Amino acid sequence: MARIFIILGSINLFLSVALGAFGAHGLEGRIAERLFEVYKTGVHYHMVHGLGLLAVGVFGERLTAGMEQLRLAGWFLQAGILFFSFSLYALALTNIGWLGAITPIGGVCFLIGWIFLAVAAAKK
């Protein structure tokens, strides 16, 4: 279980850096400033929660109790990245307003993921 979250964390961190560089070098000045800020928010949350996935993987190597909660934490953080960050990327690139309605689903996934991580750590 730990390995998959270390792999997912690494892939997401790679993507967040690549997408951040794309935004900084390819989008700035080409999309509205408001949409550029939306894009940067997606990158920021993508990177933070990629680090969270790495933490889940590392904790998975060390914890003996709370493994189910840890697994759920990882999957909720991954879902949050997909719903939150990628909806913001799509919104920034297309300016299709209804995509913003997907973003809060990702935010809730992030919150649930962090709660599951705390519960897993408390069970140690």
PDB file of N, CA and C in Angstrom:
ATOM      1  N   MET A   1       0.827  -1.193   0.000  1.00  0.00           N
ATOM      2  CA  MET A   1       0.000   0.000   0.000  1.00  0.00           C
ATOM      3  C   MET A   1       0.868   1.253   0.000  1.00  0.00           C
ATOM      4  N   ALA A   2       1.907   1.261   0.771  1.00  0.00           N
ATOM      5  CA  ALA A   2       2.742   2.457   0.886  1.00  0.00           C
ATOM      6  C   ALA A   2       3.364   2.818  -0.452  1.00  0.00           C
ATOM      7  N   ARG A   3       3.817   1.815  -1.183  1.00  0.00           N
ATOM      8  CA  ARG A   3       4.493   2.054  -2.454  1.00  0.00           C
ATOM      9  C   ARG A   3       3.612   2.818  -3.435  1.00  0.00           C
ATOM     10  N   ILE A   4       2.345   2.454  -3.535  1.00  0.00           N
ATOM     11  CA  ILE A   4       1.459   3.113  -4.505  1.00  0.00           C
ATOM     12  C   ILE A   4       1.322   4.598  -4.193  1.00  0.00           C
ATOM     13  N   PHE A   5       1.270   4.960  -2.914  1.00  0.00           N
ATOM     14  CA  PHE A   5       1.108   6.374  -2.576  1.00  0.00           C
ATOM     15  C   PHE A   5       2.406   7.162  -2.741  1.00  0.00           C
ATOM     16  N   ILE A   6       3.530   6.501  -2.565  1.00  0.00           N
ATOM     17  CA  ILE A   6       4.801   7.163  -2.869  1.00  0.00           C
ATOM     18  C   ILE A   6       4.907   7.395  -4.378  1.00  0.00           C
ATOM     19  N   ILE A   7       4.489   6.403  -5.163  1.00  0.00           N
ATOM     20  CA  ILE A   7       4.491   6.557  -6.628  1.00  0.00           C
ATOM     21  C   ILE A   7       3.517   7.648  -7.049  1.00  0.00           C
ATOM     22  N   LEU A   8       2.285   7.607  -6.527  1.00  0.00           N
ATOM     23  CA  LEU A   8       1.295   8.639  -6.876  1.00  0.00           C
ATOM     24  C   LEU A   8       1.766  10.028  -6.448  1.00  0.00           C
ATOM     25  N   GLY A   9       2.344  10.120  -5.258  1.00  0.00           N
ATOM     26  CA  GLY A   9       2.855  11.407  -4.795  1.00  0.00           C
ATOM     27  C   GLY A   9       3.934  11.930  -5.717  1.00  0.00           C
ATOM     28  N   SER A  10       4.855  11.067  -6.104  1.00  0.00           N
ATOM     29  CA  SER A  10       5.942  11.476  -6.994  1.00  0.00           C
ATOM     30  C   SER A  10       5.418  11.910  -8.353  1.00  0.00           C
ATOM     31  N   ILE A  11       4.492  11.153  -8.905  1.00  0.00           N
ATOM     32  CA  ILE A  11       3.903  11.517 -10.204  1.00  0.00           C
ATOM     33  C   ILE A  11       3.179  12.856 -10.097  1.00  0.00           C
ATOM     34  N   ASN A  12       2.407  13.031  -9.031  1.00  0.00           N
ATOM     35  CA  ASN A  12       1.677  14.294  -8.870  1.00  0.00           C
ATOM     36  C   ASN A  12       2.611  15.476  -8.646  1.00  0.00           C
ATOM     37  N   LEU A  13       3.691  15.259  -7.927  1.00  0.00           N
ATOM     38  CA  LEU A  13       4.652  16.347  -7.734  1.00  0.00           C
ATOM     39  C   LEU A  13       5.338  16.688  -9.055  1.00  0.00           C
ATOM     40  N   PHE A  14       5.682  15.696  -9.838  1.00  0.00           N
ATOM     41  CA  PHE A  14       6.235  15.932 -11.176  1.00  0.00           C
ATOM     42  C   PHE A  14       5.254  16.760 -12.006  1.00  0.00           C
ATOM     43  N   LEU A  15       3.985  16.316 -12.020  1.00  0.00           N
ATOM     44  CA  LEU A  15       2.971  17.028 -12.802  1.00  0.00           C
ATOM     45  C   LEU A  15       2.767  18.456 -12.306  1.00  0.00           C
ATOM     46  N   SER A  16       2.791  18.649 -10.993  1.00  0.00           N
ATOM     47  CA  SER A  16       2.572  20.002 -10.473  1.00  0.00           C
ATOM     48  C   SER A  16       3.705  20.933 -10.882  1.00  0.00           C
ATOM     49  N   VAL A  17       4.932  20.429 -10.899  1.00  0.00           N
ATOM     50  CA  VAL A  17       6.061  21.252 -11.335  1.00  0.00           C
ATOM     51  C   VAL A  17       5.945  21.526 -12.839  1.00  0.00           C
ATOM     52  N   ALA A  18       5.645  20.491 -13.605  1.00  0.00           N
ATOM     53  CA  ALA A  18       5.522  20.667 -15.058  1.00  0.00           C
ATOM     54  C   ALA A  18       4.382  21.619 -15.411  1.00  0.00           C
ATOM     55  N   LEU A  19       3.239  21.442 -14.760  1.00  0.00           N
ATOM     56  CA  LEU A  19       2.100  22.321 -15.039  1.00  0.00           C
ATOM     57  C   LEU A  19       2.344  23.734 -14.521  1.00  0.00           C
ATOM     58  N   GLY A  20       3.058  23.854 -13.420  1.00  0.00           N
ATOM     59  CA  GLY A  20       3.428  25.176 -12.928  1.00  0.00           C
ATOM     60  C   GLY A  20       4.346  25.890 -13.906  1.00  0.00           C
ATOM     61  N   ALA A  21       5.318  25.167 -14.446  1.00  0.00           N
ATOM     62  CA  ALA A  21       6.231  25.762 -15.434  1.00  0.00           C
ATOM     63  C   ALA A  21       5.476  26.133 -16.704  1.00  0.00           C
ATOM     64  N   PHE A  22       4.561  25.269 -17.121  1.00  0.00           N
ATOM     65  CA  PHE A  22       3.737  25.577 -18.294  1.00  0.00           C
ATOM     66  C   PHE A  22       2.939  26.859 -18.058  1.00  0.00           C
ATOM     67  N   GLY A  23       2.372  26.970 -16.877  1.00  0.00           N
ATOM     68  CA  GLY A  23       1.601  28.175 -16.561  1.00  0.00           C
ATOM     69  C   GLY A  23       2.474  29.422 -16.556  1.00  0.00           C
ATOM     70  N   ALA A  24       3.628  29.323 -15.903  1.00  0.00           N
ATOM     71  CA  ALA A  24       4.501  30.493 -15.777  1.00  0.00           C
ATOM     72  C   ALA A  24       5.084  30.919 -17.117  1.00  0.00           C
ATOM     73  N   HIS A  25       5.403  29.955 -17.974  1.00  0.00           N
ATOM     74  CA  HIS A  25       6.085  30.288 -19.224  1.00  0.00           C
ATOM     75  C   HIS A  25       5.170  30.278 -20.440  1.00  0.00           C
ATOM     76  N   GLY A  26       4.032  29.605 -20.318  1.00  0.00           N
ATOM     77  CA  GLY A  26       3.165  29.493 -21.484  1.00  0.00           C
ATOM     78  C   GLY A  26       1.827  30.190 -21.380  1.00  0.00           C
ATOM     79  N   LEU A  27       1.400  30.472 -20.164  1.00  0.00           N
ATOM     80  CA  LEU A  27       0.064  31.055 -19.995  1.00  0.00           C
ATOM     81  C   LEU A  27       0.072  32.513 -19.562  1.00  0.00           C
ATOM     82  N   GLU A  28       1.080  32.898 -18.786  1.00  0.00           N
ATOM     83  CA  GLU A  28       1.086  34.259 -18.252  1.00  0.00           C
ATOM     84  C   GLU A  28       1.040  35.262 -19.404  1.00  0.00           C
ATOM     85  N   GLY A  29       0.075  36.144 -19.341  1.00  0.00           N
ATOM     86  CA  GLY A  29      -0.119  37.143 -20.387  1.00  0.00           C
ATOM     87  C   GLY A  29      -0.969  36.660 -21.549  1.00  0.00           C
ATOM     88  N   ARG A  30      -1.271  35.371 -21.588  1.00  0.00           N
ATOM     89  CA  ARG A  30      -2.088  34.814 -22.685  1.00  0.00           C
ATOM     90  C   ARG A  30      -3.522  34.538 -22.264  1.00  0.00           C
ATOM     91  N   ILE A  31      -3.725  34.438 -20.943  1.00  0.00           N
ATOM     92  CA  ILE A  31      -5.082  34.285 -20.425  1.00  0.00           C
ATOM     93  C   ILE A  31      -5.329  35.428 -19.452  1.00  0.00           C
ATOM     94  N   ALA A  32      -6.583  35.670 -19.171  1.00  0.00           N
ATOM     95  CA  ALA A  32      -6.937  36.753 -18.249  1.00  0.00           C
ATOM     96  C   ALA A  32      -6.256  36.541 -16.898  1.00  0.00           C
ATOM     97  N   GLU A  33      -5.890  37.633 -16.254  1.00  0.00           N
ATOM     98  CA  GLU A  33      -5.203  37.564 -14.962  1.00  0.00           C
ATOM     99  C   GLU A  33      -6.012  36.759 -13.946  1.00  0.00           C
ATOM    100  N   ARG A  34      -7.325  36.930 -13.936  1.00  0.00           N
ATOM    101  CA  ARG A  34      -8.197  36.183 -13.022  1.00  0.00           C
ATOM    102  C   ARG A  34      -8.062  34.679 -13.272  1.00  0.00           C
ATOM    103  N   LEU A  35      -8.023  34.272 -14.532  1.00  0.00           N
ATOM    104  CA  LEU A  35      -7.891  32.856 -14.859  1.00  0.00           C
ATOM    105  C   LEU A  35      -6.483  32.341 -14.553  1.00  0.00           C
ATOM    106  N   PHE A  36      -5.496  33.202 -14.711  1.00  0.00           N
ATOM    107  CA  PHE A  36      -4.124  32.812 -14.371  1.00  0.00           C
ATOM    108  C   PHE A  36      -4.014  32.546 -12.871  1.00  0.00           C
ATOM    109  N   GLU A  37      -4.680  33.355 -12.064  1.00  0.00           N
ATOM    110  CA  GLU A  37      -4.697  33.126 -10.608  1.00  0.00           C
ATOM    111  C   GLU A  37      -5.397  31.812 -10.275  1.00  0.00           C
ATOM    112  N   VAL A  38      -6.463  31.496 -10.989  1.00  0.00           N
ATOM    113  CA  VAL A  38      -7.165  30.220 -10.809  1.00  0.00           C
ATOM    114  C   VAL A  38      -6.204  29.069 -11.103  1.00  0.00           C
ATOM    115  N   TYR A  39      -5.488  29.178 -12.195  1.00  0.00           N
ATOM    116  CA  TYR A  39      -4.519  28.149 -12.590  1.00  0.00           C
ATOM    117  C   TYR A  39      -3.455  27.971 -11.508  1.00  0.00           C
ATOM    118  N   LYS A  40      -2.908  29.088 -11.008  1.00  0.00           N
ATOM    119  CA  LYS A  40      -1.873  29.026  -9.971  1.00  0.00           C
ATOM    120  C   LYS A  40      -2.411  28.377  -8.690  1.00  0.00           C
ATOM    121  N   THR A  41      -3.667  28.622  -8.371  1.00  0.00           N
ATOM    122  CA  THR A  41      -4.269  27.967  -7.204  1.00  0.00           C
ATOM    123  C   THR A  41      -4.297  26.459  -7.402  1.00  0.00           C
ATOM    124  N   GLY A  42      -4.656  26.025  -8.600  1.00  0.00           N
ATOM    125  CA  GLY A  42      -4.645  24.593  -8.906  1.00  0.00           C
ATOM    126  C   GLY A  42      -3.273  23.984  -8.724  1.00  0.00           C
ATOM    127  N   VAL A  43      -2.241  24.674  -9.212  1.00  0.00           N
ATOM    128  CA  VAL A  43      -0.866  24.180  -9.080  1.00  0.00           C
ATOM    129  C   VAL A  43      -0.463  24.101  -7.606  1.00  0.00           C
ATOM    130  N   HIS A  44      -0.799  25.136  -6.853  1.00  0.00           N
ATOM    131  CA  HIS A  44      -0.430  25.168  -5.431  1.00  0.00           C
ATOM    132  C   HIS A  44      -1.037  23.983  -4.678  1.00  0.00           C
ATOM    133  N   TYR A  45      -2.333  23.783  -4.829  1.00  0.00           N
ATOM    134  CA  TYR A  45      -2.993  22.686  -4.127  1.00  0.00           C
ATOM    135  C   TYR A  45      -2.522  21.334  -4.644  1.00  0.00           C
ATOM    136  N   HIS A  46      -2.218  21.252  -5.922  1.00  0.00           N
ATOM    137  CA  HIS A  46      -1.690  20.020  -6.505  1.00  0.00           C
ATOM    138  C   HIS A  46      -0.378  19.642  -5.815  1.00  0.00           C
ATOM    139  N   MET A  47       0.511  20.622  -5.665  1.00  0.00           N
ATOM    140  CA  MET A  47       1.809  20.353  -5.059  1.00  0.00           C
ATOM    141  C   MET A  47       1.675  19.981  -3.579  1.00  0.00           C
ATOM    142  N   VAL A  48       0.891  20.731  -2.847  1.00  0.00           N
ATOM    143  CA  VAL A  48       0.726  20.457  -1.412  1.00  0.00           C
ATOM    144  C   VAL A  48       0.169  19.055  -1.188  1.00  0.00           C
ATOM    145  N   HIS A  49      -0.812  18.674  -1.986  1.00  0.00           N
ATOM    146  CA  HIS A  49      -1.441  17.381  -1.759  1.00  0.00           C
ATOM    147  C   HIS A  49      -0.633  16.235  -2.375  1.00  0.00           C
ATOM    148  N   GLY A  50       0.232  16.538  -3.336  1.00  0.00           N
ATOM    149  CA  GLY A  50       1.219  15.548  -3.771  1.00  0.00           C
ATOM    150  C   GLY A  50       2.163  15.209  -2.632  1.00  0.00           C
ATOM    151  N   LEU A  51       2.577  16.230  -1.887  1.00  0.00           N
ATOM    152  CA  LEU A  51       3.396  15.994  -0.696  1.00  0.00           C
ATOM    153  C   LEU A  51       2.622  15.187   0.344  1.00  0.00           C
ATOM    154  N   GLY A  52       1.320  15.458   0.450  1.00  0.00           N
ATOM    155  CA  GLY A  52       0.480  14.675   1.359  1.00  0.00           C
ATOM    156  C   GLY A  52       0.468  13.202   0.978  1.00  0.00           C
ATOM    157  N   LEU A  53       0.421  12.919  -0.321  1.00  0.00           N
ATOM    158  CA  LEU A  53       0.466  11.524  -0.767  1.00  0.00           C
ATOM    159  C   LEU A  53       1.798  10.870  -0.404  1.00  0.00           C
ATOM    160  N   LEU A  54       2.880  11.619  -0.545  1.00  0.00           N
ATOM    161  CA  LEU A  54       4.179  11.077  -0.116  1.00  0.00           C
ATOM    162  C   LEU A  54       4.164  10.766   1.378  1.00  0.00           C
ATOM    163  N   ALA A  55       3.570  11.659   2.167  1.00  0.00           N
ATOM    164  CA  ALA A  55       3.488  11.439   3.615  1.00  0.00           C
ATOM    165  C   ALA A  55       2.686  10.176   3.913  1.00  0.00           C
ATOM    166  N   VAL A  56       1.588   9.983   3.207  1.00  0.00           N
ATOM    167  CA  VAL A  56       0.783   8.770   3.400  1.00  0.00           C
ATOM    168  C   VAL A  56       1.639   7.536   3.124  1.00  0.00           C
ATOM    169  N   GLY A  57       2.407   7.580   2.045  1.00  0.00           N
ATOM    170  CA  GLY A  57       3.267   6.450   1.721  1.00  0.00           C
ATOM    171  C   GLY A  57       4.327   6.188   2.778  1.00  0.00           C
ATOM    172  N   VAL A  58       4.960   7.245   3.252  1.00  0.00           N
ATOM    173  CA  VAL A  58       5.996   7.095   4.285  1.00  0.00           C
ATOM    174  C   VAL A  58       5.378   6.583   5.578  1.00  0.00           C
ATOM    175  N   PHE A  59       4.245   7.142   5.962  1.00  0.00           N
ATOM    176  CA  PHE A  59       3.578   6.662   7.178  1.00  0.00           C
ATOM    177  C   PHE A  59       3.146   5.211   7.023  1.00  0.00           C
ATOM    178  N   GLY A  60       2.779   4.826   5.822  1.00  0.00           N
ATOM    179  CA  GLY A  60       2.383   3.438   5.571  1.00  0.00           C
ATOM    180  C   GLY A  60       3.508   2.456   5.837  1.00  0.00           C
ATOM    181  N   GLU A  61       4.735   2.924   5.676  1.00  0.00           N
ATOM    182  CA  GLU A  61       5.904   2.095   5.977  1.00  0.00           C
ATOM    183  C   GLU A  61       6.145   1.988   7.482  1.00  0.00           C
ATOM    184  N   ARG A  62       5.640   2.938   8.264  1.00  0.00           N
ATOM    185  CA  ARG A  62       5.991   3.030   9.682  1.00  0.00           C
ATOM    186  C   ARG A  62       4.857   2.643  10.627  1.00  0.00           C
ATOM    187  N   LEU A  63       3.624   2.873  10.231  1.00  0.00           N
ATOM    188  CA  LEU A  63       2.498   2.604  11.130  1.00  0.00           C
ATOM    189  C   LEU A  63       2.138   1.128  11.124  1.00  0.00           C
ATOM    190  N   THR A  64       1.670   0.645  12.248  1.00  0.00           N
ATOM    191  CA  THR A  64       1.194  -0.730  12.329  1.00  0.00           C
ATOM    192  C   THR A  64      -0.314  -0.781  12.523  1.00  0.00           C
ATOM    193  N   ALA A  65      -0.889   0.306  13.006  1.00  0.00           N
ATOM    194  CA  ALA A  65      -2.339   0.384  13.189  1.00  0.00           C
ATOM    195  C   ALA A  65      -2.872   1.512  12.309  1.00  0.00           C
ATOM    196  N   GLY A  66      -4.153   1.479  12.034  1.00  0.00           N
ATOM    197  CA  GLY A  66      -4.769   2.546  11.261  1.00  0.00           C
ATOM    198  C   GLY A  66      -4.503   2.468   9.771  1.00  0.00           C
ATOM    199  N   MET A  67      -4.154   1.284   9.281  1.00  0.00           N
ATOM    200  CA  MET A  67      -3.805   1.148   7.867  1.00  0.00           C
ATOM    201  C   MET A  67      -4.996   1.411   6.941  1.00  0.00           C
ATOM    202  N   GLU A  68      -6.180   1.013   7.340  1.00  0.00           N
ATOM    203  CA  GLU A  68      -7.359   1.267   6.492  1.00  0.00           C
ATOM    204  C   GLU A  68      -7.617   2.763   6.379  1.00  0.00           C
ATOM    205  N   GLN A  69      -7.509   3.483   7.483  1.00  0.00           N
ATOM    206  CA  GLN A  69      -7.691   4.933   7.451  1.00  0.00           C
ATOM    207  C   GLN A  69      -6.592   5.600   6.617  1.00  0.00           C
ATOM    208  N   LEU A  70      -5.399   5.078   6.694  1.00  0.00           N
ATOM    209  CA  LEU A  70      -4.290   5.613   5.912  1.00  0.00           C
ATOM    210  C   LEU A  70      -4.534   5.406   4.416  1.00  0.00           C
ATOM    211  N   ARG A  71      -4.996   4.230   4.064  1.00  0.00           N
ATOM    212  CA  ARG A  71      -5.323   3.939   2.664  1.00  0.00           C
ATOM    213  C   ARG A  71      -6.412   4.879   2.170  1.00  0.00           C
ATOM    214  N   LEU A  72      -7.442   5.066   2.968  1.00  0.00           N
ATOM    215  CA  LEU A  72      -8.518   5.985   2.589  1.00  0.00           C
ATOM    216  C   LEU A  72      -8.012   7.416   2.470  1.00  0.00           C
ATOM    217  N   ALA A  73      -7.108   7.807   3.366  1.00  0.00           N
ATOM    218  CA  ALA A  73      -6.523   9.148   3.293  1.00  0.00           C
ATOM    219  C   ALA A  73      -5.853   9.351   1.945  1.00  0.00           C
ATOM    220  N   GLY A  74      -5.066   8.387   1.525  1.00  0.00           N
ATOM    221  CA  GLY A  74      -4.370   8.498   0.249  1.00  0.00           C
ATOM    222  C   GLY A  74      -5.316   8.607  -0.926  1.00  0.00           C
ATOM    223  N   TRP A  75      -6.336   7.774  -0.943  1.00  0.00           N
ATOM    224  CA  TRP A  75      -7.263   7.808  -2.083  1.00  0.00           C
ATOM    225  C   TRP A  75      -8.099   9.079  -2.091  1.00  0.00           C
ATOM    226  N   PHE A  76      -8.457   9.587  -0.915  1.00  0.00           N
ATOM    227  CA  PHE A  76      -9.195  10.858  -0.892  1.00  0.00           C
ATOM    228  C   PHE A  76      -8.298  12.021  -1.324  1.00  0.00           C
ATOM    229  N   LEU A  77      -7.032  12.017  -0.932  1.00  0.00           N
ATOM    230  CA  LEU A  77      -6.128  13.075  -1.392  1.00  0.00           C
ATOM    231  C   LEU A  77      -5.958  13.005  -2.909  1.00  0.00           C
ATOM    232  N   GLN A  78      -5.823  11.795  -3.444  1.00  0.00           N
ATOM    233  CA  GLN A  78      -5.693  11.649  -4.898  1.00  0.00           C
ATOM    234  C   GLN A  78      -6.957  12.134  -5.610  1.00  0.00           C
ATOM    235  N   ALA A  79      -8.112  11.762  -5.095  1.00  0.00           N
ATOM    236  CA  ALA A  79      -9.374  12.226  -5.692  1.00  0.00           C
ATOM    237  C   ALA A  79      -9.471  13.746  -5.613  1.00  0.00           C
ATOM    238  N   GLY A  80      -9.029  14.307  -4.506  1.00  0.00           N
ATOM    239  CA  GLY A  80      -9.050  15.753  -4.360  1.00  0.00           C
ATOM    240  C   GLY A  80      -8.205  16.440  -5.417  1.00  0.00           C
ATOM    241  N   ILE A  81      -7.032  15.888  -5.693  1.00  0.00           N
ATOM    242  CA  ILE A  81      -6.180  16.457  -6.739  1.00  0.00           C
ATOM    243  C   ILE A  81      -6.912  16.436  -8.074  1.00  0.00           C
ATOM    244  N   LEU A  82      -7.514  15.309  -8.388  1.00  0.00           N
ATOM    245  CA  LEU A  82      -8.202  15.192  -9.681  1.00  0.00           C
ATOM    246  C   LEU A  82      -9.373  16.168  -9.785  1.00  0.00           C
ATOM    247  N   PHE A  83     -10.208  16.207  -8.766  1.00  0.00           N
ATOM    248  CA  PHE A  83     -11.386  17.071  -8.830  1.00  0.00           C
ATOM    249  C   PHE A  83     -11.048  18.548  -8.634  1.00  0.00           C
ATOM    250  N   PHE A  84     -10.176  18.856  -7.686  1.00  0.00           N
ATOM    251  CA  PHE A  84      -9.886  20.247  -7.365  1.00  0.00           C
ATOM    252  C   PHE A  84      -8.923  20.854  -8.384  1.00  0.00           C
ATOM    253  N   SER A  85      -7.716  20.351  -8.411  1.00  0.00           N
ATOM    254  CA  SER A  85      -6.695  20.978  -9.252  1.00  0.00           C
ATOM    255  C   SER A  85      -7.024  20.872 -10.734  1.00  0.00           C
ATOM    256  N   PHE A  86      -7.426  19.700 -11.175  1.00  0.00           N
ATOM    257  CA  PHE A  86      -7.664  19.547 -12.610  1.00  0.00           C
ATOM    258  C   PHE A  86      -8.903  20.294 -13.079  1.00  0.00           C
ATOM    259  N   SER A  87      -9.884  20.482 -12.206  1.00  0.00           N
ATOM    260  CA  SER A  87     -11.024  21.319 -12.609  1.00  0.00           C
ATOM    261  C   SER A  87     -10.587  22.781 -12.725  1.00  0.00           C
ATOM    262  N   LEU A  88      -9.677  23.211 -11.859  1.00  0.00           N
ATOM    263  CA  LEU A  88      -9.164  24.579 -11.960  1.00  0.00           C
ATOM    264  C   LEU A  88      -8.305  24.762 -13.208  1.00  0.00           C
ATOM    265  N   TYR A  89      -7.504  23.762 -13.553  1.00  0.00           N
ATOM    266  CA  TYR A  89      -6.719  23.846 -14.787  1.00  0.00           C
ATOM    267  C   TYR A  89      -7.662  23.977 -15.987  1.00  0.00           C
ATOM    268  N   ALA A  90      -8.671  23.132 -16.013  1.00  0.00           N
ATOM    269  CA  ALA A  90      -9.615  23.157 -17.137  1.00  0.00           C
ATOM    270  C   ALA A  90     -10.368  24.486 -17.186  1.00  0.00           C
ATOM    271  N   LEU A  91     -10.783  24.979 -16.043  1.00  0.00           N
ATOM    272  CA  LEU A  91     -11.489  26.266 -15.977  1.00  0.00           C
ATOM    273  C   LEU A  91     -10.602  27.389 -16.497  1.00  0.00           C
ATOM    274  N   ALA A  92      -9.356  27.416 -16.052  1.00  0.00           N
ATOM    275  CA  ALA A  92      -8.434  28.481 -16.468  1.00  0.00           C
ATOM    276  C   ALA A  92      -8.177  28.437 -17.979  1.00  0.00           C
ATOM    277  N   LEU A  93      -8.060  27.237 -18.527  1.00  0.00           N
ATOM    278  CA  LEU A  93      -7.725  27.097 -19.941  1.00  0.00           C
ATOM    279  C   LEU A  93      -8.917  27.293 -20.873  1.00  0.00           C
ATOM    280  N   THR A  94     -10.126  27.006 -20.371  1.00  0.00           N
ATOM    281  CA  THR A  94     -11.308  27.075 -21.239  1.00  0.00           C
ATOM    282  C   THR A  94     -12.256  28.216 -20.902  1.00  0.00           C
ATOM    283  N   ASN A  95     -12.177  28.715 -19.675  1.00  0.00           N
ATOM    284  CA  ASN A  95     -13.105  29.726 -19.162  1.00  0.00           C
ATOM    285  C   ASN A  95     -14.560  29.237 -19.206  1.00  0.00           C
ATOM    286  N   ILE A  96     -14.743  27.933 -19.062  1.00  0.00           N
ATOM    287  CA  ILE A  96     -16.090  27.343 -18.974  1.00  0.00           C
ATOM    288  C   ILE A  96     -16.478  27.343 -17.502  1.00  0.00           C
ATOM    289  N   GLY A  97     -17.399  28.230 -17.152  1.00  0.00           N
ATOM    290  CA  GLY A  97     -17.718  28.503 -15.765  1.00  0.00           C
ATOM    291  C   GLY A  97     -18.202  27.324 -14.951  1.00  0.00           C
ATOM    292  N   TRP A  98     -18.974  26.416 -15.549  1.00  0.00           N
ATOM    293  CA  TRP A  98     -19.534  25.320 -14.761  1.00  0.00           C
ATOM    294  C   TRP A  98     -18.454  24.377 -14.237  1.00  0.00           C
ATOM    295  N   LEU A  99     -17.257  24.426 -14.803  1.00  0.00           N
ATOM    296  CA  LEU A  99     -16.174  23.590 -14.280  1.00  0.00           C
ATOM    297  C   LEU A  99     -15.832  23.955 -12.837  1.00  0.00           C
ATOM    298  N   GLY A 100     -16.082  25.214 -12.468  1.00  0.00           N
ATOM    299  CA  GLY A 100     -15.849  25.643 -11.095  1.00  0.00           C
ATOM    300  C   GLY A 100     -16.755  24.946 -10.094  1.00  0.00           C
ATOM    301  N   ALA A 101     -17.858  24.380 -10.562  1.00  0.00           N
ATOM    302  CA  ALA A 101     -18.766  23.660  -9.670  1.00  0.00           C
ATOM    303  C   ALA A 101     -18.184  22.319  -9.239  1.00  0.00           C
ATOM    304  N   ILE A 102     -17.202  21.812  -9.971  1.00  0.00           N
ATOM    305  CA  ILE A 102     -16.570  20.541  -9.628  1.00  0.00           C
ATOM    306  C   ILE A 102     -15.533  20.732  -8.518  1.00  0.00           C
ATOM    307  N   THR A 103     -14.933  21.900  -8.482  1.00  0.00           N
ATOM    308  CA  THR A 103     -13.820  22.177  -7.573  1.00  0.00           C
ATOM    309  C   THR A 103     -14.149  21.885  -6.105  1.00  0.00           C
ATOM    310  N   PRO A 104     -15.317  22.288  -5.581  1.00  0.00           N
ATOM    311  CA  PRO A 104     -15.591  22.009  -4.161  1.00  0.00           C
ATOM    312  C   PRO A 104     -15.632  20.517  -3.821  1.00  0.00           C
ATOM    313  N   ILE A 105     -15.966  19.675  -4.791  1.00  0.00           N
ATOM    314  CA  ILE A 105     -15.923  18.223  -4.541  1.00  0.00           C
ATOM    315  C   ILE A 105     -14.501  17.821  -4.171  1.00  0.00           C
ATOM    316  N   GLY A 106     -13.545  18.367  -4.907  1.00  0.00           N
ATOM    317  CA  GLY A 106     -12.145  18.095  -4.598  1.00  0.00           C
ATOM    318  C   GLY A 106     -11.740  18.638  -3.247  1.00  0.00           C
ATOM    319  N   GLY A 107     -12.225  19.821  -2.911  1.00  0.00           N
ATOM    320  CA  GLY A 107     -11.921  20.401  -1.610  1.00  0.00           C
ATOM    321  C   GLY A 107     -12.423  19.532  -0.470  1.00  0.00           C
ATOM    322  N   VAL A 108     -13.620  18.980  -0.623  1.00  0.00           N
ATOM    323  CA  VAL A 108     -14.168  18.084   0.398  1.00  0.00           C
ATOM    324  C   VAL A 108     -13.332  16.809   0.474  1.00  0.00           C
ATOM    325  N   CYS A 109     -12.897  16.303  -0.675  1.00  0.00           N
ATOM    326  CA  CYS A 109     -12.024  15.120  -0.677  1.00  0.00           C
ATOM    327  C   CYS A 109     -10.728  15.405   0.078  1.00  0.00           C
ATOM    328  N   PHE A 110     -10.147  16.586  -0.136  1.00  0.00           N
ATOM    329  CA  PHE A 110      -8.939  16.955   0.608  1.00  0.00           C
ATOM    330  C   PHE A 110      -9.198  16.925   2.109  1.00  0.00           C
ATOM    331  N   LEU A 111     -10.287  17.542   2.533  1.00  0.00           N
ATOM    332  CA  LEU A 111     -10.604  17.594   3.962  1.00  0.00           C
ATOM    333  C   LEU A 111     -10.776  16.192   4.549  1.00  0.00           C
ATOM    334  N   ILE A 112     -11.494  15.350   3.853  1.00  0.00           N
ATOM    335  CA  ILE A 112     -11.708  13.975   4.324  1.00  0.00           C
ATOM    336  C   ILE A 112     -10.380  13.234   4.386  1.00  0.00           C
ATOM    337  N   GLY A 113      -9.544  13.431   3.377  1.00  0.00           N
ATOM    338  CA  GLY A 113      -8.236  12.775   3.367  1.00  0.00           C
ATOM    339  C   GLY A 113      -7.391  13.153   4.559  1.00  0.00           C
ATOM    340  N   TRP A 114      -7.358  14.446   4.876  1.00  0.00           N
ATOM    341  CA  TRP A 114      -6.564  14.886   6.033  1.00  0.00           C
ATOM    342  C   TRP A 114      -7.138  14.351   7.336  1.00  0.00           C
ATOM    343  N   ILE A 115      -8.460  14.257   7.438  1.00  0.00           N
ATOM    344  CA  ILE A 115      -9.061  13.685   8.653  1.00  0.00           C
ATOM    345  C   ILE A 115      -8.672  12.220   8.788  1.00  0.00           C
ATOM    346  N   PHE A 116      -8.750  11.469   7.688  1.00  0.00           N
ATOM    347  CA  PHE A 116      -8.356  10.058   7.749  1.00  0.00           C
ATOM    348  C   PHE A 116      -6.882   9.909   8.125  1.00  0.00           C
ATOM    349  N   LEU A 117      -6.036  10.804   7.651  1.00  0.00           N
ATOM    350  CA  LEU A 117      -4.618  10.745   8.012  1.00  0.00           C
ATOM    351  C   LEU A 117      -4.442  10.971   9.513  1.00  0.00           C
ATOM    352  N   ALA A 118      -5.164  11.935  10.059  1.00  0.00           N
ATOM    353  CA  ALA A 118      -5.086  12.207  11.497  1.00  0.00           C
ATOM    354  C   ALA A 118      -5.577  11.004  12.306  1.00  0.00           C
ATOM    355  N   VAL A 119      -6.660  10.394  11.867  1.00  0.00           N
ATOM    356  CA  VAL A 119      -7.205   9.221  12.585  1.00  0.00           C
ATOM    357  C   VAL A 119      -6.198   8.079  12.533  1.00  0.00           C
ATOM    358  N   ALA A 120      -5.582   7.864  11.364  1.00  0.00           N
ATOM    359  CA  ALA A 120      -4.592   6.794  11.244  1.00  0.00           C
ATOM    360  C   ALA A 120      -3.418   7.036  12.183  1.00  0.00           C
ATOM    361  N   ALA A 121      -2.950   8.268  12.256  1.00  0.00           N
ATOM    362  CA  ALA A 121      -1.827   8.588  13.140  1.00  0.00           C
ATOM    363  C   ALA A 121      -2.217   8.419  14.605  1.00  0.00           C
ATOM    364  N   ALA A 122      -3.458   8.760  14.951  1.00  0.00           N
ATOM    365  CA  ALA A 122      -3.920   8.638  16.333  1.00  0.00           C
ATOM    366  C   ALA A 122      -4.006   7.187  16.792  1.00  0.00           C
ATOM    367  N   LYS A 123      -4.145   6.267  15.845  1.00  0.00           N
ATOM    368  CA  LYS A 123      -4.266   4.856  16.205  1.00  0.00           C
ATOM    369  C   LYS A 123      -2.924   4.200  16.494  1.00  0.00           C
ATOM    370  N   LYS A 124      -1.831   4.881  16.242  1.00  0.00           N
ATOM    371  CA  LYS A 124      -0.512   4.275  16.431  1.00  0.00           C
ATOM    372  C   LYS A 124      -0.278   3.910  17.873  1.00  0.00           C
TER     373      LYS A 124
END
